[in-house]
Amino acid sequence: MAEQAQYEELIRQFSAFGAVKRELGRIMPSGCPSGSGAVLTLLERHGDMRMSKLAELLAVDMSVTSRHVAHVAERGWIQRSPDPADKRSRILRLTPAGRTQLEELSRRTGRLLAERLGDWSDEEVAQLTALMARLRASFDDCRAVPAALPADTEPRPPASPVLEPSPRTPATTQ
């Protein structure tokens, strides 16, 4: 298990990672915030789905999901159709315009990552990808952690690491 100092350094790196996310956000086309990119990415990756499934994959509240869906639907990037199994629900489907937008997002993020990670080996990029997937999986596996530990209580060591990537992958083309 890692030492406390390693966890503290990891926290500093998480904080610094915000700069990476902000730079990725700056290269997005106007009118396409990261939440919209996440919706398009998930629909492309997982296919047509209900909004409740999308909210689960985004790991956000249904109200946030509704705002993202409204935004992409207004731009014609997705279509909302009645669910044949339950007419009260809607099935979300990526449109050809949405696929075009997603291709643009992919080009932009791919170009930025290639520029910034140009001096990284393929092995290093693969290792980072695997470790990030493993980190995400560690937070997705429903491990309950108390909201606040008493001052004299040490956090419990984590359960054995999850080796397979979570079905939830980073949603945006981050």
C-alpha atoms as a PDB file:
ATOM      1  CA  MET A   1       0.000   0.000   0.000  1.00  0.00           C
ATOM      2  CA  ALA A   2       1.228   3.488  -0.798  1.00  0.00           C
ATOM      3  CA  GLU A   3       2.564   5.794   1.893  1.00  0.00           C
ATOM      4  CA  GLN A   4       0.635   8.904   2.969  1.00  0.00           C
ATOM      5  CA  ALA A   5       3.142  11.148   1.176  1.00  0.00           C
ATOM      6  CA  GLN A   6       2.401   9.338  -2.091  1.00  0.00           C
ATOM      7  CA  TYR A   7      -1.318   9.928  -1.647  1.00  0.00           C
ATOM      8  CA  GLU A   8      -0.656  13.601  -0.927  1.00  0.00           C
ATOM      9  CA  GLU A   9       1.373  13.889  -4.128  1.00  0.00           C
ATOM     10  CA  LEU A  10      -1.400  12.123  -6.011  1.00  0.00           C
ATOM     11  CA  ILE A  11      -3.890  14.686  -4.688  1.00  0.00           C
ATOM     12  CA  ARG A  12      -1.621  17.491  -5.943  1.00  0.00           C
ATOM     13  CA  GLN A  13      -1.469  15.825  -9.358  1.00  0.00           C
ATOM     14  CA  PHE A  14      -5.264  15.475  -9.473  1.00  0.00           C
ATOM     15  CA  SER A  15      -5.545  19.169  -8.778  1.00  0.00           C
ATOM     16  CA  ALA A  16      -3.019  19.987 -11.492  1.00  0.00           C
ATOM     17  CA  PHE A  17      -4.894  17.742 -13.932  1.00  0.00           C
ATOM     18  CA  GLY A  18      -7.581  20.415 -13.991  1.00  0.00           C
ATOM     19  CA  ALA A  19      -5.264  22.405 -16.276  1.00  0.00           C
ATOM     20  CA  VAL A  20      -5.244  19.520 -18.749  1.00  0.00           C
ATOM     21  CA  LYS A  21      -9.037  19.371 -18.739  1.00  0.00           C
ATOM     22  CA  ARG A  22      -9.294  23.148 -19.177  1.00  0.00           C
ATOM     23  CA  GLU A  23      -6.972  23.053 -22.183  1.00  0.00           C
ATOM     24  CA  LEU A  24      -9.000  20.239 -23.714  1.00  0.00           C
ATOM     25  CA  GLY A  25     -12.126  22.340 -23.127  1.00  0.00           C
ATOM     26  CA  ARG A  26     -10.574  25.346 -24.878  1.00  0.00           C
ATOM     27  CA  ILE A  27     -10.079  23.444 -28.122  1.00  0.00           C
ATOM     28  CA  MET A  28     -13.717  22.350 -28.347  1.00  0.00           C
ATOM     29  CA  PRO A  29     -15.722  23.902 -31.184  1.00  0.00           C
ATOM     30  CA  SER A  30     -17.866  26.825 -30.110  1.00  0.00           C
ATOM     31  CA  GLY A  31     -21.271  25.658 -28.992  1.00  0.00           C
ATOM     32  CA  CYS A  32     -19.979  22.254 -27.947  1.00  0.00           C
ATOM     33  CA  PRO A  33     -19.063  22.173 -24.268  1.00  0.00           C
ATOM     34  CA  SER A  34     -17.505  19.049 -22.787  1.00  0.00           C
ATOM     35  CA  GLY A  35     -20.874  17.777 -21.513  1.00  0.00           C
ATOM     36  CA  SER A  36     -22.184  17.758 -25.066  1.00  0.00           C
ATOM     37  CA  GLY A  37     -19.085  15.924 -26.218  1.00  0.00           C
ATOM     38  CA  ALA A  38     -19.650  13.363 -23.488  1.00  0.00           C
ATOM     39  CA  VAL A  39     -23.235  12.744 -24.633  1.00  0.00           C
ATOM     40  CA  LEU A  40     -22.139  12.287 -28.242  1.00  0.00           C
ATOM     41  CA  THR A  41     -19.251  10.024 -27.257  1.00  0.00           C
ATOM     42  CA  LEU A  42     -21.423   7.764 -25.119  1.00  0.00           C
ATOM     43  CA  LEU A  43     -24.141   7.462 -27.735  1.00  0.00           C
ATOM     44  CA  GLU A  44     -21.523   6.571 -30.317  1.00  0.00           C
ATOM     45  CA  ARG A  45     -19.845   4.060 -28.026  1.00  0.00           C
ATOM     46  CA  HIS A  46     -22.961   2.421 -26.525  1.00  0.00           C
ATOM     47  CA  GLY A  47     -25.637   3.029 -29.166  1.00  0.00           C
ATOM     48  CA  ASP A  48     -29.198   4.223 -28.706  1.00  0.00           C
ATOM     49  CA  MET A  49     -30.326   4.494 -25.096  1.00  0.00           C
ATOM     50  CA  ARG A  50     -32.761   6.015 -22.638  1.00  0.00           C
ATOM     51  CA  MET A  51     -31.840   9.172 -20.801  1.00  0.00           C
ATOM     52  CA  SER A  52     -31.682   7.244 -17.517  1.00  0.00           C
ATOM     53  CA  LYS A  53     -28.950   5.001 -18.956  1.00  0.00           C
ATOM     54  CA  LEU A  54     -27.084   8.058 -20.256  1.00  0.00           C
ATOM     55  CA  ALA A  55     -27.260   9.695 -16.801  1.00  0.00           C
ATOM     56  CA  GLU A  56     -25.833   6.511 -15.296  1.00  0.00           C
ATOM     57  CA  LEU A  57     -22.970   6.430 -17.812  1.00  0.00           C
ATOM     58  CA  LEU A  58     -22.245  10.129 -17.321  1.00  0.00           C
ATOM     59  CA  ALA A  59     -22.384   9.599 -13.545  1.00  0.00           C
ATOM     60  CA  VAL A  60     -24.377  12.807 -13.127  1.00  0.00           C
ATOM     61  CA  ASP A  61     -27.829  13.754 -11.928  1.00  0.00           C
ATOM     62  CA  MET A  62     -30.780  13.417 -14.306  1.00  0.00           C
ATOM     63  CA  SER A  63     -31.272  17.214 -14.348  1.00  0.00           C
ATOM     64  CA  VAL A  64     -27.705  17.701 -15.602  1.00  0.00           C
ATOM     65  CA  THR A  65     -28.220  14.988 -18.201  1.00  0.00           C
ATOM     66  CA  SER A  66     -31.437  16.685 -19.346  1.00  0.00           C
ATOM     67  CA  ARG A  67     -29.591  19.968 -19.926  1.00  0.00           C
ATOM     68  CA  HIS A  68     -26.859  18.220 -21.934  1.00  0.00           C
ATOM     69  CA  VAL A  69     -29.437  16.317 -23.993  1.00  0.00           C
ATOM     70  CA  ALA A  70     -31.459  19.475 -24.680  1.00  0.00           C
ATOM     71  CA  HIS A  71     -28.298  21.235 -25.848  1.00  0.00           C
ATOM     72  CA  VAL A  72     -27.267  18.544 -28.340  1.00  0.00           C
ATOM     73  CA  ALA A  73     -30.855  17.983 -29.511  1.00  0.00           C
ATOM     74  CA  GLU A  74     -31.275  21.729 -30.256  1.00  0.00           C
ATOM     75  CA  ARG A  75     -28.248  21.502 -32.530  1.00  0.00           C
ATOM     76  CA  GLY A  76     -29.575  18.438 -34.324  1.00  0.00           C
ATOM     77  CA  TRP A  77     -26.779  16.191 -33.060  1.00  0.00           C
ATOM     78  CA  ILE A  78     -29.156  13.679 -31.482  1.00  0.00           C
ATOM     79  CA  GLN A  79     -32.713  12.583 -32.046  1.00  0.00           C
ATOM     80  CA  ARG A  80     -35.199  11.845 -29.262  1.00  0.00           C
ATOM     81  CA  SER A  81     -37.803   9.238 -30.213  1.00  0.00           C
ATOM     82  CA  PRO A  82     -40.574   7.615 -28.173  1.00  0.00           C
ATOM     83  CA  ASP A  83     -39.516   4.341 -26.578  1.00  0.00           C
ATOM     84  CA  PRO A  84     -41.705   1.603 -28.061  1.00  0.00           C
ATOM     85  CA  ALA A  85     -41.576  -0.261 -24.726  1.00  0.00           C
ATOM     86  CA  ASP A  86     -42.637   2.798 -22.683  1.00  0.00           C
ATOM     87  CA  LYS A  87     -44.141   5.782 -24.527  1.00  0.00           C
ATOM     88  CA  ARG A  88     -43.324   8.060 -21.560  1.00  0.00           C
ATOM     89  CA  SER A  89     -39.597   7.510 -22.141  1.00  0.00           C
ATOM     90  CA  ARG A  90     -37.438   8.664 -25.012  1.00  0.00           C
ATOM     91  CA  ILE A  91     -34.696   6.835 -26.861  1.00  0.00           C
ATOM     92  CA  LEU A  92     -31.686   8.973 -27.711  1.00  0.00           C
ATOM     93  CA  ARG A  93     -29.973   8.371 -31.037  1.00  0.00           C
ATOM     94  CA  LEU A  94     -26.941  10.006 -32.621  1.00  0.00           C
ATOM     95  CA  THR A  95     -27.731  11.750 -35.925  1.00  0.00           C
ATOM     96  CA  PRO A  96     -25.417  12.099 -38.943  1.00  0.00           C
ATOM     97  CA  ALA A  97     -24.783  15.718 -37.830  1.00  0.00           C
ATOM     98  CA  GLY A  98     -23.861  14.381 -34.380  1.00  0.00           C
ATOM     99  CA  ARG A  99     -21.412  11.922 -35.920  1.00  0.00           C
ATOM    100  CA  THR A 100     -19.843  14.764 -37.891  1.00  0.00           C
ATOM    101  CA  GLN A 101     -19.507  16.830 -34.706  1.00  0.00           C
ATOM    102  CA  LEU A 102     -17.997  13.853 -32.886  1.00  0.00           C
ATOM    103  CA  GLU A 103     -15.453  13.382 -35.690  1.00  0.00           C
ATOM    104  CA  GLU A 104     -14.443  17.034 -35.296  1.00  0.00           C
ATOM    105  CA  LEU A 105     -14.081  16.616 -31.525  1.00  0.00           C
ATOM    106  CA  SER A 106     -11.960  13.526 -32.067  1.00  0.00           C
ATOM    107  CA  ARG A 107      -9.720  15.300 -34.589  1.00  0.00           C
ATOM    108  CA  ARG A 108      -9.171  18.241 -32.254  1.00  0.00           C
ATOM    109  CA  THR A 109      -8.448  16.208 -29.148  1.00  0.00           C
ATOM    110  CA  GLY A 110      -6.288  13.741 -31.073  1.00  0.00           C
ATOM    111  CA  ARG A 111      -4.228  16.590 -32.497  1.00  0.00           C
ATOM    112  CA  LEU A 112      -3.749  18.193 -29.065  1.00  0.00           C
ATOM    113  CA  LEU A 113      -2.805  14.925 -27.391  1.00  0.00           C
ATOM    114  CA  ALA A 114      -0.393  14.048 -30.202  1.00  0.00           C
ATOM    115  CA  GLU A 115       1.217  17.472 -29.786  1.00  0.00           C
ATOM    116  CA  ARG A 116       1.464  17.343 -25.989  1.00  0.00           C
ATOM    117  CA  LEU A 117       2.441  13.669 -25.737  1.00  0.00           C
ATOM    118  CA  GLY A 118       4.674  13.602 -28.804  1.00  0.00           C
ATOM    119  CA  ASP A 119       7.749  12.794 -26.723  1.00  0.00           C
ATOM    120  CA  TRP A 120       5.995   9.901 -24.953  1.00  0.00           C
ATOM    121  CA  SER A 121       6.523   6.344 -26.155  1.00  0.00           C
ATOM    122  CA  ASP A 122       3.567   4.244 -27.277  1.00  0.00           C
ATOM    123  CA  GLU A 123       4.172   2.114 -24.194  1.00  0.00           C
ATOM    124  CA  GLU A 124       3.956   5.148 -21.880  1.00  0.00           C
ATOM    125  CA  VAL A 125       0.695   6.306 -23.468  1.00  0.00           C
ATOM    126  CA  ALA A 126      -0.722   2.776 -23.152  1.00  0.00           C
ATOM    127  CA  GLN A 127       0.405   2.594 -19.518  1.00  0.00           C
ATOM    128  CA  LEU A 128      -1.223   5.955 -18.700  1.00  0.00           C
ATOM    129  CA  THR A 129      -4.432   4.847 -20.403  1.00  0.00           C
ATOM    130  CA  ALA A 130      -4.493   1.562 -18.483  1.00  0.00           C
ATOM    131  CA  LEU A 131      -3.778   3.257 -15.158  1.00  0.00           C
ATOM    132  CA  MET A 132      -6.450   5.903 -15.720  1.00  0.00           C
ATOM    133  CA  ALA A 133      -8.993   3.192 -16.593  1.00  0.00           C
ATOM    134  CA  ARG A 134      -8.003   1.292 -13.460  1.00  0.00           C
ATOM    135  CA  LEU A 135      -8.300   4.449 -11.331  1.00  0.00           C
ATOM    136  CA  ARG A 136     -11.749   5.151 -12.742  1.00  0.00           C
ATOM    137  CA  ALA A 137     -12.790   1.553 -12.107  1.00  0.00           C
ATOM    138  CA  SER A 138     -11.635   1.874  -8.496  1.00  0.00           C
ATOM    139  CA  PHE A 139     -14.094   4.721  -8.027  1.00  0.00           C
ATOM    140  CA  ASP A 140     -16.898   3.064  -9.990  1.00  0.00           C
ATOM    141  CA  ASP A 141     -17.049  -0.199  -8.081  1.00  0.00           C
ATOM    142  CA  CYS A 142     -19.352   1.137  -5.354  1.00  0.00           C
ATOM    143  CA  ARG A 143     -16.881   0.987  -2.518  1.00  0.00           C
ATOM    144  CA  ALA A 144     -18.628   2.778   0.296  1.00  0.00           C
ATOM    145  CA  VAL A 145     -16.461   5.302   2.084  1.00  0.00           C
ATOM    146  CA  PRO A 146     -17.804   7.234   5.052  1.00  0.00           C
ATOM    147  CA  ALA A 147     -18.453  10.905   4.275  1.00  0.00           C
ATOM    148  CA  ALA A 148     -16.200  12.009   7.117  1.00  0.00           C
ATOM    149  CA  LEU A 149     -13.907   9.943   9.259  1.00  0.00           C
ATOM    150  CA  PRO A 150     -13.397  10.840  12.899  1.00  0.00           C
ATOM    151  CA  ALA A 151     -10.100  12.685  13.414  1.00  0.00           C
ATOM    152  CA  ASP A 152      -8.447   9.719  15.106  1.00  0.00           C
ATOM    153  CA  THR A 153      -9.556   7.167  12.487  1.00  0.00           C
ATOM    154  CA  GLU A 154      -7.339   6.126   9.622  1.00  0.00           C
ATOM    155  CA  PRO A 155      -8.965   5.402   6.263  1.00  0.00           C
ATOM    156  CA  ARG A 156      -9.361   1.716   5.507  1.00  0.00           C
ATOM    157  CA  PRO A 157      -6.957   0.273   2.975  1.00  0.00           C
ATOM    158  CA  PRO A 158      -8.599  -0.235  -0.409  1.00  0.00           C
ATOM    159  CA  ALA A 159      -9.929  -3.627  -1.396  1.00  0.00           C
ATOM    160  CA  SER A 160      -7.889  -5.583  -3.902  1.00  0.00           C
ATOM    161  CA  PRO A 161      -7.438  -3.534  -7.075  1.00  0.00           C
ATOM    162  CA  VAL A 162      -9.817  -3.886  -9.965  1.00  0.00           C
ATOM    163  CA  LEU A 163      -7.856  -5.104 -12.975  1.00  0.00           C
ATOM    164  CA  GLU A 164     -10.501  -4.816 -15.668  1.00  0.00           C
ATOM    165  CA  PRO A 165     -11.580  -1.427 -16.964  1.00  0.00           C
ATOM    166  CA  SER A 166     -14.981  -0.266 -15.821  1.00  0.00           C
ATOM    167  CA  PRO A 167     -17.845  -0.311 -18.306  1.00  0.00           C
ATOM    168  CA  ARG A 168     -17.888   3.420 -17.652  1.00  0.00           C
ATOM    169  CA  THR A 169     -14.979   4.947 -19.445  1.00  0.00           C
ATOM    170  CA  PRO A 170     -14.126   8.614 -19.453  1.00  0.00           C
ATOM    171  CA  ALA A 171     -17.057  10.052 -21.196  1.00  0.00           C
ATOM    172  CA  THR A 172     -15.597  12.920 -23.122  1.00  0.00           C
ATOM    173  CA  THR A 173     -12.908  12.690 -25.654  1.00  0.00           C
ATOM    174  CA  GLN A 174     -10.580  13.863 -22.951  1.00  0.00           C
END
